[in-house]
Amino acid sequence: MLIGFKLVVVGKGLEGNVIDETKNTLMLETNKGTKRVIKDGNRFILHMNKKEIKVDGNDIIMRSWEYAL
């Protein structure tokens, strides 16, 4: 589950805290409001436990309890 972690969408100039997650999307709270990002075709940098983890959105197109990071 990615809710609560800071996430950067690579190449889109978008970053924020994950506030919701569905099978196909992530919802971010950004400086410019709430944004929904499609997982498919995007790459992300996840800030978790003082580390940067690179995640391919295609690898997490599933419900959060169906994968483990």
C-alpha atoms as a PDB file:
ATOM      1  CA  MET A   1       0.000   0.000   0.000  1.00  0.00           C
ATOM      2  CA  LEU A   2       1.452   3.337  -1.091  1.00  0.00           C
ATOM      3  CA  ILE A   3      -0.930   5.620   0.800  1.00  0.00           C
ATOM      4  CA  GLY A   4       0.959   8.122   2.930  1.00  0.00           C
ATOM      5  CA  PHE A   5       4.205   8.072   0.985  1.00  0.00           C
ATOM      6  CA  LYS A   6       5.685  10.821  -1.191  1.00  0.00           C
ATOM      7  CA  LEU A   7       5.675   9.952  -4.885  1.00  0.00           C
ATOM      8  CA  VAL A   8       7.224  11.604  -7.938  1.00  0.00           C
ATOM      9  CA  VAL A   9       5.852  10.893 -11.422  1.00  0.00           C
ATOM     10  CA  VAL A  10       8.970  10.706 -13.609  1.00  0.00           C
ATOM     11  CA  GLY A  11       8.942  13.048 -16.583  1.00  0.00           C
ATOM     12  CA  LYS A  12       5.621  14.679 -15.683  1.00  0.00           C
ATOM     13  CA  GLY A  13       6.771  17.305 -13.177  1.00  0.00           C
ATOM     14  CA  LEU A  14       4.230  15.994 -10.685  1.00  0.00           C
ATOM     15  CA  GLU A  15       4.838  15.011  -7.090  1.00  0.00           C
ATOM     16  CA  GLY A  16       2.860  14.695  -3.913  1.00  0.00           C
ATOM     17  CA  ASN A  17       1.671  12.415  -1.175  1.00  0.00           C
ATOM     18  CA  VAL A  18      -0.398   9.383  -2.119  1.00  0.00           C
ATOM     19  CA  ILE A  19      -3.856   9.749  -0.547  1.00  0.00           C
ATOM     20  CA  ASP A  20      -5.725   6.978  -2.373  1.00  0.00           C
ATOM     21  CA  GLU A  21      -4.993   4.009  -4.611  1.00  0.00           C
ATOM     22  CA  THR A  22      -7.113   1.885  -6.902  1.00  0.00           C
ATOM     23  CA  LYS A  23      -6.177  -1.005  -9.155  1.00  0.00           C
ATOM     24  CA  ASN A  24      -5.288   1.355 -12.026  1.00  0.00           C
ATOM     25  CA  THR A  25      -4.650   4.774 -10.458  1.00  0.00           C
ATOM     26  CA  LEU A  26      -2.951   6.702  -7.703  1.00  0.00           C
ATOM     27  CA  MET A  27      -4.399   9.880  -6.226  1.00  0.00           C
ATOM     28  CA  LEU A  28      -1.846  12.468  -5.123  1.00  0.00           C
ATOM     29  CA  GLU A  29      -2.226  15.515  -2.922  1.00  0.00           C
ATOM     30  CA  THR A  30       0.029  18.081  -4.630  1.00  0.00           C
ATOM     31  CA  ASN A  31       0.749  21.779  -4.154  1.00  0.00           C
ATOM     32  CA  LYS A  32      -1.770  22.430  -6.937  1.00  0.00           C
ATOM     33  CA  GLY A  33      -4.549  20.239  -5.534  1.00  0.00           C
ATOM     34  CA  THR A  34      -5.557  16.624  -5.879  1.00  0.00           C
ATOM     35  CA  LYS A  35      -4.412  14.793  -9.021  1.00  0.00           C
ATOM     36  CA  ARG A  36      -5.246  11.283 -10.223  1.00  0.00           C
ATOM     37  CA  VAL A  37      -2.441   9.507 -12.097  1.00  0.00           C
ATOM     38  CA  ILE A  38      -2.827   6.356 -14.176  1.00  0.00           C
ATOM     39  CA  LYS A  39      -0.329   3.627 -13.245  1.00  0.00           C
ATOM     40  CA  ASP A  40      -0.138   2.164 -16.774  1.00  0.00           C
ATOM     41  CA  GLY A  41       2.740   3.632 -18.761  1.00  0.00           C
ATOM     42  CA  ASN A  42       4.128   5.811 -15.959  1.00  0.00           C
ATOM     43  CA  ARG A  43       7.255   5.470 -13.878  1.00  0.00           C
ATOM     44  CA  PHE A  44       7.439   6.624 -10.302  1.00  0.00           C
ATOM     45  CA  ILE A  45       9.996   7.393  -7.637  1.00  0.00           C
ATOM     46  CA  LEU A  46       8.655   6.453  -4.238  1.00  0.00           C
ATOM     47  CA  HIS A  47      10.179   7.973  -1.113  1.00  0.00           C
ATOM     48  CA  MET A  48       9.913   5.241   1.507  1.00  0.00           C
ATOM     49  CA  ASN A  49      11.928   4.829   4.713  1.00  0.00           C
ATOM     50  CA  LYS A  50      14.487   7.485   3.648  1.00  0.00           C
ATOM     51  CA  LYS A  51      15.111   5.627   0.369  1.00  0.00           C
ATOM     52  CA  GLU A  52      14.129   6.318  -3.221  1.00  0.00           C
ATOM     53  CA  ILE A  53      12.519   3.329  -4.891  1.00  0.00           C
ATOM     54  CA  LYS A  54      11.947   3.337  -8.651  1.00  0.00           C
ATOM     55  CA  VAL A  55       8.660   1.720  -9.598  1.00  0.00           C
ATOM     56  CA  ASP A  56       7.277   0.945 -13.044  1.00  0.00           C
ATOM     57  CA  GLY A  57       3.533   1.580 -12.952  1.00  0.00           C
ATOM     58  CA  ASN A  58       2.896  -1.488 -15.104  1.00  0.00           C
ATOM     59  CA  ASP A  59       4.297  -3.651 -12.293  1.00  0.00           C
ATOM     60  CA  ILE A  60       1.714  -2.414  -9.783  1.00  0.00           C
ATOM     61  CA  ILE A  61      -1.470  -2.536 -11.880  1.00  0.00           C
ATOM     62  CA  MET A  62      -3.312  -4.506  -9.248  1.00  0.00           C
ATOM     63  CA  ARG A  63      -4.974  -3.917  -5.931  1.00  0.00           C
ATOM     64  CA  SER A  64      -2.554  -2.842  -3.225  1.00  0.00           C
ATOM     65  CA  TRP A  65      -2.973  -6.034  -1.216  1.00  0.00           C
ATOM     66  CA  GLU A  66      -2.009  -8.101  -4.273  1.00  0.00           C
ATOM     67  CA  TYR A  67       1.558  -6.795  -4.385  1.00  0.00           C
ATOM     68  CA  ALA A  68       4.309  -6.221  -1.849  1.00  0.00           C
ATOM     69  CA  LEU A  69       7.073  -3.651  -2.170  1.00  0.00           C
END
